[in-house]
Amino acid sequence: MTWSKLIRRTHMYLALFLAPWMLGYAVSTVAMSHRWIGGPPTYVHERELPYETRFGAETPAVEIGRQVLRELDLEGAFGVQGPGPDGRITINRQDLLTPRRVVYLPAEKRVTVERVSFETGAFLNRLHRRRGYQQPYAADRVMAISVDLVIAAMMVWALSGLWMWWEMRATRFWGAAAAASGALLFVLLIFAV
């Protein structure tokens, strides 16, 4: 196989492999750019139950959140707020499809679980902003690694596209014009925005 054919095949198969990511990022970017994301999320009450577990005064809120989620069978990526003046700890359980808010009220010895009602714009926003290296969970790590691989593949995709353009003598003028105008517009927008 020639070098040129290898580059063309790599370009093509990367494009086919990247199709789900590119479509996901494209649609989610349109949603963010055109503000398909409404106001604050709407929470739907799922359950409320007694919670007798006691924590020491020095227990970090993150550890409390981790244990509460474990005992509710809701383990996974989360963020935590609190404790507030009343001791309240709010645990935001991240999930692409069904994020939840778990409120732990130690004085009342109970937890409340609410889920975010599904809204397309909010889902696309979560999809676009999904991060994983901050969380110790395998699915989050795999998502983060896949995003890194997509970034590397996009660089290969762009460079192989330049290689293919340069090989086709008949397209060099218009290709150069397209590349130059794209670069100029990109630079202008960087300084204008």
N, C-alpha and C. Protein backbone atom coordinates (compact mmCIF):
# COMPACT_ATOMS: atom_id res chain seq x y z
N MET A 1 0.86 -1.18 0.00
CA MET A 1 0.00 0.00 0.00
C MET A 1 0.90 1.24 0.00
N THR A 2 0.58 2.20 -0.84
CA THR A 2 1.37 3.42 -0.92
C THR A 2 1.05 4.33 0.26
N TRP A 3 1.96 5.27 0.51
CA TRP A 3 1.78 6.25 1.58
C TRP A 3 0.50 7.04 1.36
N SER A 4 0.27 7.46 0.13
CA SER A 4 -0.92 8.24 -0.20
C SER A 4 -2.20 7.45 0.07
N LYS A 5 -2.19 6.18 -0.31
CA LYS A 5 -3.38 5.35 -0.11
C LYS A 5 -3.62 5.13 1.39
N LEU A 6 -2.54 4.95 2.15
CA LEU A 6 -2.66 4.78 3.60
C LEU A 6 -3.29 6.03 4.23
N ILE A 7 -2.84 7.20 3.82
CA ILE A 7 -3.40 8.45 4.36
C ILE A 7 -4.87 8.57 3.98
N ARG A 8 -5.22 8.27 2.75
CA ARG A 8 -6.63 8.36 2.33
C ARG A 8 -7.51 7.38 3.12
N ARG A 9 -7.03 6.16 3.29
CA ARG A 9 -7.80 5.17 4.04
C ARG A 9 -7.94 5.59 5.51
N THR A 10 -6.84 6.09 6.09
CA THR A 10 -6.90 6.57 7.47
C THR A 10 -7.91 7.69 7.60
N HIS A 11 -7.87 8.64 6.68
CA HIS A 11 -8.79 9.76 6.68
C HIS A 11 -10.25 9.26 6.61
N MET A 12 -10.50 8.33 5.69
CA MET A 12 -11.86 7.83 5.50
C MET A 12 -12.35 7.05 6.72
N TYR A 13 -11.53 6.12 7.24
CA TYR A 13 -11.99 5.31 8.36
C TYR A 13 -12.11 6.13 9.64
N LEU A 14 -11.24 7.11 9.82
CA LEU A 14 -11.40 8.01 10.97
C LEU A 14 -12.72 8.78 10.86
N ALA A 15 -13.04 9.23 9.66
CA ALA A 15 -14.31 9.96 9.46
C ALA A 15 -15.50 9.06 9.81
N LEU A 16 -15.45 7.83 9.39
CA LEU A 16 -16.55 6.91 9.69
C LEU A 16 -16.61 6.61 11.19
N PHE A 17 -15.44 6.40 11.80
CA PHE A 17 -15.39 6.13 13.23
C PHE A 17 -15.87 7.33 14.05
N LEU A 18 -15.49 8.53 13.62
CA LEU A 18 -15.82 9.74 14.37
C LEU A 18 -17.25 10.23 14.17
N ALA A 19 -17.98 9.64 13.23
CA ALA A 19 -19.33 10.14 12.91
C ALA A 19 -20.22 10.33 14.14
N PRO A 20 -20.33 9.37 15.06
CA PRO A 20 -21.20 9.61 16.23
C PRO A 20 -20.74 10.80 17.08
N TRP A 21 -19.43 10.92 17.30
CA TRP A 21 -18.93 12.04 18.09
C TRP A 21 -19.17 13.36 17.38
N MET A 22 -18.89 13.40 16.09
CA MET A 22 -19.07 14.65 15.34
C MET A 22 -20.53 15.06 15.32
N LEU A 23 -21.43 14.11 15.11
CA LEU A 23 -22.87 14.43 15.13
C LEU A 23 -23.29 14.91 16.52
N GLY A 24 -22.81 14.21 17.55
CA GLY A 24 -23.14 14.61 18.93
C GLY A 24 -22.65 16.01 19.25
N TYR A 25 -21.41 16.30 18.90
CA TYR A 25 -20.86 17.64 19.17
C TYR A 25 -21.53 18.70 18.29
N ALA A 26 -21.84 18.35 17.05
CA ALA A 26 -22.48 19.32 16.16
C ALA A 26 -23.86 19.71 16.67
N VAL A 27 -24.68 18.71 16.98
CA VAL A 27 -26.04 19.00 17.44
C VAL A 27 -26.02 19.69 18.80
N SER A 28 -25.12 19.25 19.70
CA SER A 28 -25.07 19.88 21.02
C SER A 28 -24.56 21.31 20.93
N THR A 29 -23.66 21.59 19.99
CA THR A 29 -23.18 22.96 19.81
C THR A 29 -24.28 23.85 19.25
N VAL A 30 -25.07 23.32 18.33
CA VAL A 30 -26.21 24.09 17.81
C VAL A 30 -27.16 24.42 18.95
N ALA A 31 -27.42 23.44 19.82
CA ALA A 31 -28.33 23.67 20.95
C ALA A 31 -27.80 24.75 21.87
N MET A 32 -26.49 24.75 22.12
CA MET A 32 -25.90 25.76 23.00
C MET A 32 -25.87 27.12 22.32
N SER A 33 -25.51 27.13 21.05
CA SER A 33 -25.39 28.39 20.31
C SER A 33 -26.74 29.08 20.14
N HIS A 34 -27.78 28.29 19.92
CA HIS A 34 -29.12 28.86 19.69
C HIS A 34 -30.00 28.86 20.94
N ARG A 35 -29.37 28.57 22.06
CA ARG A 35 -30.05 28.63 23.37
C ARG A 35 -31.32 27.77 23.43
N TRP A 36 -31.19 26.53 22.99
CA TRP A 36 -32.29 25.59 23.15
C TRP A 36 -32.42 25.16 24.60
N ILE A 37 -31.46 25.57 25.40
CA ILE A 37 -31.46 25.19 26.80
C ILE A 37 -32.30 26.22 27.54
N GLY A 38 -33.37 25.75 28.16
CA GLY A 38 -34.27 26.65 28.85
C GLY A 38 -33.67 27.16 30.15
N GLY A 39 -34.54 27.51 31.06
CA GLY A 39 -34.11 28.03 32.35
C GLY A 39 -33.57 26.93 33.24
N PRO A 40 -33.68 27.13 34.54
CA PRO A 40 -33.18 26.14 35.48
C PRO A 40 -33.92 24.80 35.31
N PRO A 41 -33.29 23.71 35.68
CA PRO A 41 -33.92 22.40 35.50
C PRO A 41 -35.18 22.26 36.35
N THR A 42 -36.09 21.44 35.85
CA THR A 42 -37.30 21.11 36.58
C THR A 42 -37.08 19.78 37.29
N TYR A 43 -37.24 19.77 38.61
CA TYR A 43 -37.02 18.56 39.38
C TYR A 43 -38.35 17.87 39.66
N VAL A 44 -38.33 16.55 39.56
CA VAL A 44 -39.50 15.72 39.84
C VAL A 44 -39.18 14.87 41.07
N HIS A 45 -40.07 14.93 42.06
CA HIS A 45 -39.86 14.17 43.30
C HIS A 45 -39.89 12.68 42.99
N GLU A 46 -38.84 11.97 43.42
CA GLU A 46 -38.77 10.52 43.22
C GLU A 46 -39.12 9.77 44.50
N ARG A 47 -38.43 10.14 45.57
CA ARG A 47 -38.67 9.46 46.84
C ARG A 47 -38.08 10.25 48.00
N GLU A 48 -38.61 9.94 49.15
CA GLU A 48 -38.09 10.53 50.39
C GLU A 48 -38.05 9.39 51.40
N LEU A 49 -36.92 9.27 52.09
CA LEU A 49 -36.83 8.18 53.04
C LEU A 49 -36.01 8.55 54.26
N PRO A 50 -36.24 7.83 55.34
CA PRO A 50 -35.45 8.10 56.55
C PRO A 50 -34.00 7.71 56.31
N TYR A 51 -33.12 8.46 56.95
CA TYR A 51 -31.69 8.17 56.81
C TYR A 51 -31.04 8.35 58.17
N GLU A 52 -30.72 7.24 58.80
CA GLU A 52 -30.25 7.24 60.18
C GLU A 52 -28.73 7.35 60.32
N THR A 53 -27.99 7.18 59.23
CA THR A 53 -26.52 7.18 59.33
C THR A 53 -26.03 8.49 59.91
N ARG A 54 -25.10 8.39 60.86
CA ARG A 54 -24.51 9.57 61.49
C ARG A 54 -23.09 9.74 60.96
N PHE A 55 -22.69 10.99 60.80
CA PHE A 55 -21.34 11.31 60.36
C PHE A 55 -20.68 12.18 61.40
N GLY A 56 -19.37 12.05 61.55
CA GLY A 56 -18.64 12.89 62.48
C GLY A 56 -18.61 14.33 61.98
N ALA A 57 -18.38 15.25 62.90
CA ALA A 57 -18.36 16.67 62.57
C ALA A 57 -17.28 17.01 61.55
N GLU A 58 -16.20 16.22 61.52
CA GLU A 58 -15.08 16.50 60.63
C GLU A 58 -15.17 15.75 59.30
N THR A 59 -16.25 14.98 59.08
CA THR A 59 -16.37 14.22 57.83
C THR A 59 -16.59 15.18 56.66
N PRO A 60 -15.72 15.12 55.64
CA PRO A 60 -15.88 16.02 54.49
C PRO A 60 -17.21 15.76 53.76
N ALA A 61 -17.78 16.82 53.22
CA ALA A 61 -19.06 16.72 52.50
C ALA A 61 -18.97 15.73 51.34
N VAL A 62 -17.82 15.66 50.69
CA VAL A 62 -17.66 14.73 49.56
C VAL A 62 -17.79 13.29 50.04
N GLU A 63 -17.22 12.98 51.19
CA GLU A 63 -17.32 11.61 51.72
C GLU A 63 -18.76 11.30 52.13
N ILE A 64 -19.44 12.29 52.70
CA ILE A 64 -20.85 12.10 53.05
C ILE A 64 -21.65 11.82 51.78
N GLY A 65 -21.42 12.64 50.75
CA GLY A 65 -22.13 12.45 49.49
C GLY A 65 -21.88 11.07 48.90
N ARG A 66 -20.63 10.63 48.92
CA ARG A 66 -20.29 9.31 48.36
C ARG A 66 -21.03 8.20 49.10
N GLN A 67 -21.05 8.28 50.43
CA GLN A 67 -21.72 7.23 51.21
C GLN A 67 -23.23 7.26 51.02
N VAL A 68 -23.81 8.45 51.01
CA VAL A 68 -25.26 8.55 50.81
C VAL A 68 -25.64 7.93 49.47
N LEU A 69 -24.91 8.27 48.41
CA LEU A 69 -25.21 7.71 47.09
C LEU A 69 -25.03 6.19 47.08
N ARG A 70 -23.99 5.70 47.73
CA ARG A 70 -23.75 4.25 47.79
C ARG A 70 -24.93 3.56 48.46
N GLU A 71 -25.40 4.11 49.57
CA GLU A 71 -26.49 3.47 50.31
C GLU A 71 -27.83 3.58 49.58
N LEU A 72 -27.94 4.54 48.66
CA LEU A 72 -29.17 4.67 47.86
C LEU A 72 -29.06 3.94 46.52
N ASP A 73 -27.96 3.22 46.30
CA ASP A 73 -27.68 2.55 45.02
C ASP A 73 -27.67 3.54 43.85
N LEU A 74 -27.07 4.70 44.09
CA LEU A 74 -26.95 5.73 43.05
C LEU A 74 -25.49 6.12 42.83
N GLU A 75 -24.57 5.18 43.05
CA GLU A 75 -23.15 5.50 42.89
C GLU A 75 -22.85 6.00 41.49
N GLY A 76 -21.92 6.92 41.42
CA GLY A 76 -21.48 7.48 40.15
C GLY A 76 -20.97 8.89 40.36
N ALA A 77 -20.67 9.56 39.24
CA ALA A 77 -20.11 10.91 39.29
C ALA A 77 -21.08 11.86 39.98
N PHE A 78 -20.51 12.72 40.85
CA PHE A 78 -21.37 13.65 41.57
C PHE A 78 -20.58 14.88 42.00
N GLY A 79 -21.31 15.91 42.35
CA GLY A 79 -20.78 17.10 42.97
C GLY A 79 -21.57 17.32 44.25
N VAL A 80 -21.02 18.09 45.18
CA VAL A 80 -21.70 18.28 46.46
C VAL A 80 -21.66 19.75 46.85
N GLN A 81 -22.74 20.20 47.49
CA GLN A 81 -22.83 21.56 48.01
C GLN A 81 -23.20 21.48 49.48
N GLY A 82 -22.55 22.29 50.28
CA GLY A 82 -22.88 22.31 51.69
C GLY A 82 -21.70 21.84 52.51
N PRO A 83 -21.91 21.71 53.78
CA PRO A 83 -23.18 21.81 54.47
C PRO A 83 -23.63 23.27 54.66
N GLY A 84 -24.94 23.44 54.62
CA GLY A 84 -25.53 24.75 54.86
C GLY A 84 -25.67 24.99 56.36
N PRO A 85 -26.26 26.12 56.75
CA PRO A 85 -26.42 26.44 58.18
C PRO A 85 -27.22 25.38 58.94
N ASP A 86 -28.14 24.73 58.25
CA ASP A 86 -28.95 23.69 58.90
C ASP A 86 -28.31 22.30 58.76
N GLY A 87 -27.09 22.24 58.21
CA GLY A 87 -26.41 20.96 58.02
C GLY A 87 -26.74 20.28 56.71
N ARG A 88 -27.66 20.88 55.96
CA ARG A 88 -28.11 20.31 54.68
C ARG A 88 -26.94 20.12 53.73
N ILE A 89 -26.91 18.95 53.07
CA ILE A 89 -25.93 18.67 52.02
C ILE A 89 -26.70 18.29 50.77
N THR A 90 -26.41 18.99 49.69
CA THR A 90 -27.05 18.71 48.41
C THR A 90 -26.05 18.00 47.52
N ILE A 91 -26.44 16.82 47.06
CA ILE A 91 -25.58 16.00 46.22
C ILE A 91 -26.18 16.00 44.82
N ASN A 92 -25.41 16.48 43.85
CA ASN A 92 -25.88 16.50 42.46
C ASN A 92 -25.27 15.31 41.74
N ARG A 93 -26.07 14.28 41.54
CA ARG A 93 -25.62 13.04 40.88
C ARG A 93 -25.68 13.26 39.37
N GLN A 94 -24.50 13.30 38.76
CA GLN A 94 -24.41 13.55 37.32
C GLN A 94 -24.79 12.30 36.54
N ASP A 95 -25.55 12.50 35.48
CA ASP A 95 -25.95 11.41 34.60
C ASP A 95 -26.42 12.06 33.31
N LEU A 96 -26.02 11.50 32.18
CA LEU A 96 -26.42 12.11 30.91
C LEU A 96 -27.93 12.13 30.73
N LEU A 97 -28.60 11.03 31.06
CA LEU A 97 -30.04 10.94 30.83
C LEU A 97 -30.88 11.39 32.02
N THR A 98 -30.49 10.98 33.22
CA THR A 98 -31.31 11.27 34.39
C THR A 98 -30.47 11.78 35.55
N PRO A 99 -30.06 13.05 35.52
CA PRO A 99 -29.36 13.59 36.69
C PRO A 99 -30.32 13.66 37.88
N ARG A 100 -29.75 13.55 39.05
CA ARG A 100 -30.58 13.60 40.26
C ARG A 100 -29.99 14.57 41.27
N ARG A 101 -30.88 15.09 42.10
CA ARG A 101 -30.47 15.91 43.24
C ARG A 101 -30.91 15.16 44.49
N VAL A 102 -29.94 14.88 45.35
CA VAL A 102 -30.21 14.19 46.60
C VAL A 102 -29.92 15.17 47.73
N VAL A 103 -30.92 15.43 48.55
CA VAL A 103 -30.75 16.37 49.66
C VAL A 103 -30.74 15.58 50.96
N TYR A 104 -29.64 15.69 51.68
CA TYR A 104 -29.48 15.01 52.96
C TYR A 104 -29.70 16.04 54.06
N LEU A 105 -30.70 15.79 54.92
CA LEU A 105 -31.02 16.67 56.03
C LEU A 105 -30.73 15.92 57.34
N PRO A 106 -29.52 16.11 57.90
CA PRO A 106 -29.15 15.33 59.09
C PRO A 106 -30.03 15.62 60.31
N ALA A 107 -30.48 16.86 60.47
CA ALA A 107 -31.31 17.20 61.63
C ALA A 107 -32.66 16.47 61.58
N GLU A 108 -33.15 16.24 60.36
CA GLU A 108 -34.44 15.56 60.19
C GLU A 108 -34.27 14.07 59.93
N LYS A 109 -33.02 13.61 59.82
CA LYS A 109 -32.70 12.21 59.56
C LYS A 109 -33.44 11.67 58.34
N ARG A 110 -33.30 12.40 57.24
CA ARG A 110 -33.95 11.94 56.01
C ARG A 110 -33.20 12.44 54.78
N VAL A 111 -33.47 11.78 53.67
CA VAL A 111 -32.95 12.21 52.37
C VAL A 111 -34.12 12.30 51.39
N THR A 112 -33.99 13.25 50.48
CA THR A 112 -34.97 13.42 49.42
C THR A 112 -34.24 13.24 48.09
N VAL A 113 -34.84 12.48 47.21
CA VAL A 113 -34.25 12.24 45.89
C VAL A 113 -35.19 12.81 44.84
N GLU A 114 -34.63 13.66 43.99
CA GLU A 114 -35.39 14.25 42.89
C GLU A 114 -34.61 14.02 41.60
N ARG A 115 -35.30 13.79 40.52
CA ARG A 115 -34.63 13.65 39.22
C ARG A 115 -34.97 14.84 38.36
N VAL A 116 -34.07 15.16 37.45
CA VAL A 116 -34.31 16.25 36.51
C VAL A 116 -35.19 15.72 35.40
N SER A 117 -36.29 16.42 35.11
CA SER A 117 -37.13 15.98 34.01
C SER A 117 -36.37 16.17 32.70
N PHE A 118 -36.58 15.24 31.77
CA PHE A 118 -35.80 15.24 30.53
C PHE A 118 -36.20 16.41 29.65
N GLU A 119 -35.19 17.16 29.22
CA GLU A 119 -35.35 18.23 28.25
C GLU A 119 -34.22 18.08 27.25
N THR A 120 -34.55 18.09 25.97
CA THR A 120 -33.57 17.84 24.92
C THR A 120 -32.39 18.79 24.99
N GLY A 121 -32.65 20.09 25.14
CA GLY A 121 -31.57 21.07 25.18
C GLY A 121 -30.62 20.84 26.34
N ALA A 122 -31.17 20.55 27.51
CA ALA A 122 -30.32 20.29 28.68
C ALA A 122 -29.52 19.01 28.51
N PHE A 123 -30.14 17.99 27.91
CA PHE A 123 -29.42 16.74 27.64
C PHE A 123 -28.24 17.00 26.70
N LEU A 124 -28.47 17.76 25.63
CA LEU A 124 -27.39 18.05 24.68
C LEU A 124 -26.28 18.86 25.33
N ASN A 125 -26.64 19.76 26.22
CA ASN A 125 -25.64 20.54 26.95
C ASN A 125 -24.78 19.61 27.83
N ARG A 126 -25.42 18.68 28.53
CA ARG A 126 -24.67 17.73 29.36
C ARG A 126 -23.76 16.86 28.50
N LEU A 127 -24.26 16.44 27.34
CA LEU A 127 -23.47 15.62 26.43
C LEU A 127 -22.22 16.37 25.97
N HIS A 128 -22.38 17.64 25.65
CA HIS A 128 -21.27 18.44 25.14
C HIS A 128 -20.23 18.70 26.23
N ARG A 129 -20.67 18.91 27.44
CA ARG A 129 -19.76 19.31 28.52
C ARG A 129 -19.31 18.15 29.41
N ARG A 130 -19.62 16.96 29.01
CA ARG A 130 -19.28 15.79 29.83
C ARG A 130 -17.78 15.73 30.09
N ARG A 131 -17.40 15.59 31.35
CA ARG A 131 -15.99 15.48 31.75
C ARG A 131 -15.83 14.19 32.53
N GLY A 132 -14.61 13.68 32.57
CA GLY A 132 -14.47 12.41 33.25
C GLY A 132 -13.26 12.23 34.12
N TYR A 133 -12.17 12.93 33.87
CA TYR A 133 -10.96 12.67 34.64
C TYR A 133 -11.08 13.10 36.09
N GLN A 134 -12.06 13.93 36.43
CA GLN A 134 -12.22 14.39 37.81
C GLN A 134 -12.93 13.34 38.67
N GLN A 135 -13.51 12.33 38.04
CA GLN A 135 -14.28 11.33 38.78
C GLN A 135 -13.57 9.98 38.74
N PRO A 136 -13.70 9.18 39.79
CA PRO A 136 -12.99 7.90 39.84
C PRO A 136 -13.75 6.72 39.20
N TYR A 137 -14.75 7.00 38.39
CA TYR A 137 -15.60 5.93 37.86
C TYR A 137 -15.18 5.55 36.44
N ALA A 138 -15.23 4.26 36.14
CA ALA A 138 -14.73 3.73 34.87
C ALA A 138 -15.44 4.35 33.67
N ALA A 139 -16.76 4.49 33.71
CA ALA A 139 -17.48 5.04 32.57
C ALA A 139 -17.05 6.48 32.28
N ASP A 140 -16.81 7.26 33.34
CA ASP A 140 -16.36 8.63 33.15
C ASP A 140 -14.95 8.66 32.56
N ARG A 141 -14.09 7.75 33.01
CA ARG A 141 -12.72 7.68 32.46
C ARG A 141 -12.76 7.27 30.99
N VAL A 142 -13.59 6.28 30.66
CA VAL A 142 -13.67 5.84 29.27
C VAL A 142 -14.19 6.98 28.39
N MET A 143 -15.18 7.73 28.88
CA MET A 143 -15.68 8.87 28.11
C MET A 143 -14.58 9.90 27.91
N ALA A 144 -13.82 10.20 28.95
CA ALA A 144 -12.74 11.17 28.85
C ALA A 144 -11.66 10.70 27.88
N ILE A 145 -11.31 9.43 27.96
CA ILE A 145 -10.31 8.87 27.05
C ILE A 145 -10.81 8.93 25.61
N SER A 146 -12.10 8.60 25.41
CA SER A 146 -12.64 8.65 24.05
C SER A 146 -12.62 10.06 23.49
N VAL A 147 -12.87 11.06 24.34
CA VAL A 147 -12.80 12.45 23.88
C VAL A 147 -11.37 12.81 23.50
N ASP A 148 -10.39 12.37 24.30
CA ASP A 148 -8.99 12.61 23.95
C ASP A 148 -8.62 11.94 22.63
N LEU A 149 -9.12 10.73 22.42
CA LEU A 149 -8.85 10.03 21.16
C LEU A 149 -9.50 10.75 19.98
N VAL A 150 -10.70 11.28 20.20
CA VAL A 150 -11.37 12.04 19.13
C VAL A 150 -10.56 13.29 18.80
N ILE A 151 -10.04 13.96 19.81
CA ILE A 151 -9.21 15.16 19.57
C ILE A 151 -7.98 14.79 18.73
N ALA A 152 -7.30 13.72 19.12
CA ALA A 152 -6.12 13.28 18.36
C ALA A 152 -6.51 12.88 16.94
N ALA A 153 -7.63 12.17 16.81
CA ALA A 153 -8.08 11.74 15.49
C ALA A 153 -8.45 12.94 14.62
N MET A 154 -9.04 13.98 15.23
CA MET A 154 -9.39 15.18 14.45
C MET A 154 -8.14 15.87 13.92
N MET A 155 -7.05 15.84 14.70
CA MET A 155 -5.80 16.42 14.22
C MET A 155 -5.27 15.62 13.02
N VAL A 156 -5.32 14.29 13.15
CA VAL A 156 -4.91 13.44 12.03
C VAL A 156 -5.81 13.68 10.83
N TRP A 157 -7.09 13.83 11.10
CA TRP A 157 -8.08 14.08 10.04
C TRP A 157 -7.74 15.37 9.30
N ALA A 158 -7.47 16.44 10.04
CA ALA A 158 -7.15 17.73 9.42
C ALA A 158 -5.84 17.65 8.64
N LEU A 159 -4.82 17.05 9.23
CA LEU A 159 -3.52 16.96 8.55
C LEU A 159 -3.59 16.05 7.32
N SER A 160 -4.33 14.95 7.42
CA SER A 160 -4.45 14.07 6.25
C SER A 160 -5.27 14.75 5.15
N GLY A 161 -6.23 15.59 5.53
CA GLY A 161 -6.97 16.36 4.53
C GLY A 161 -6.07 17.34 3.80
N LEU A 162 -5.17 17.98 4.53
CA LEU A 162 -4.20 18.87 3.90
C LEU A 162 -3.29 18.10 2.94
N TRP A 163 -2.86 16.92 3.37
CA TRP A 163 -2.01 16.08 2.52
C TRP A 163 -2.74 15.72 1.22
N MET A 164 -4.00 15.29 1.35
CA MET A 164 -4.77 14.88 0.16
C MET A 164 -4.99 16.07 -0.77
N TRP A 165 -5.26 17.24 -0.19
CA TRP A 165 -5.46 18.44 -1.01
C TRP A 165 -4.18 18.75 -1.79
N TRP A 166 -3.04 18.68 -1.12
CA TRP A 166 -1.77 19.01 -1.77
C TRP A 166 -1.43 18.04 -2.89
N GLU A 167 -1.84 16.79 -2.75
CA GLU A 167 -1.57 15.78 -3.79
C GLU A 167 -2.37 16.03 -5.07
N MET A 168 -3.50 16.69 -4.95
CA MET A 168 -4.37 16.92 -6.12
C MET A 168 -4.04 18.29 -6.72
N ARG A 169 -3.15 18.30 -7.69
CA ARG A 169 -2.68 19.56 -8.27
C ARG A 169 -3.82 20.45 -8.77
N ALA A 170 -4.84 19.85 -9.34
CA ALA A 170 -5.94 20.64 -9.91
C ALA A 170 -6.70 21.44 -8.84
N THR A 171 -6.61 21.04 -7.58
CA THR A 171 -7.38 21.73 -6.53
C THR A 171 -6.52 22.65 -5.67
N ARG A 172 -5.25 22.79 -6.00
CA ARG A 172 -4.36 23.56 -5.13
C ARG A 172 -4.78 25.02 -4.99
N PHE A 173 -5.15 25.68 -6.07
CA PHE A 173 -5.52 27.09 -5.99
C PHE A 173 -6.76 27.27 -5.11
N TRP A 174 -7.84 26.54 -5.42
CA TRP A 174 -9.08 26.71 -4.66
C TRP A 174 -8.93 26.18 -3.23
N GLY A 175 -8.12 25.15 -3.07
CA GLY A 175 -7.84 24.65 -1.72
C GLY A 175 -7.09 25.68 -0.89
N ALA A 176 -6.10 26.34 -1.54
CA ALA A 176 -5.34 27.38 -0.83
C ALA A 176 -6.25 28.55 -0.48
N ALA A 177 -7.14 28.91 -1.41
CA ALA A 177 -8.08 30.01 -1.15
C ALA A 177 -9.01 29.65 0.01
N ALA A 178 -9.51 28.42 0.03
CA ALA A 178 -10.40 27.98 1.12
C ALA A 178 -9.66 27.97 2.46
N ALA A 179 -8.43 27.42 2.46
CA ALA A 179 -7.65 27.35 3.70
C ALA A 179 -7.30 28.75 4.21
N ALA A 180 -6.90 29.65 3.30
CA ALA A 180 -6.53 31.00 3.70
C ALA A 180 -7.73 31.77 4.23
N SER A 181 -8.87 31.66 3.54
CA SER A 181 -10.06 32.40 4.00
C SER A 181 -10.55 31.84 5.34
N GLY A 182 -10.48 30.52 5.52
CA GLY A 182 -10.87 29.92 6.80
C GLY A 182 -9.97 30.38 7.93
N ALA A 183 -8.65 30.39 7.68
CA ALA A 183 -7.69 30.84 8.70
C ALA A 183 -7.90 32.31 9.02
N LEU A 184 -8.13 33.14 8.00
CA LEU A 184 -8.34 34.57 8.22
C LEU A 184 -9.60 34.81 9.05
N LEU A 185 -10.68 34.14 8.69
CA LEU A 185 -11.94 34.29 9.44
C LEU A 185 -11.75 33.84 10.89
N PHE A 186 -11.05 32.72 11.08
CA PHE A 186 -10.78 32.21 12.42
C PHE A 186 -10.02 33.22 13.26
N VAL A 187 -8.97 33.80 12.70
CA VAL A 187 -8.16 34.81 13.42
C VAL A 187 -9.01 36.05 13.71
N LEU A 188 -9.78 36.51 12.73
CA LEU A 188 -10.63 37.69 12.95
C LEU A 188 -11.62 37.45 14.08
N LEU A 189 -12.23 36.28 14.11
CA LEU A 189 -13.20 35.98 15.16
C LEU A 189 -12.54 35.87 16.54
N ILE A 190 -11.33 35.36 16.58
CA ILE A 190 -10.62 35.28 17.87
C ILE A 190 -10.43 36.67 18.45
N PHE A 191 -10.07 37.65 17.61
CA PHE A 191 -9.83 39.00 18.12
C PHE A 191 -11.10 39.82 18.26
N ALA A 192 -12.17 39.43 17.58
CA ALA A 192 -13.41 40.20 17.62
C ALA A 192 -14.34 39.75 18.75
N VAL A 193 -14.26 38.52 19.13
CA VAL A 193 -15.22 37.99 20.11
C VAL A 193 -14.69 38.17 21.51
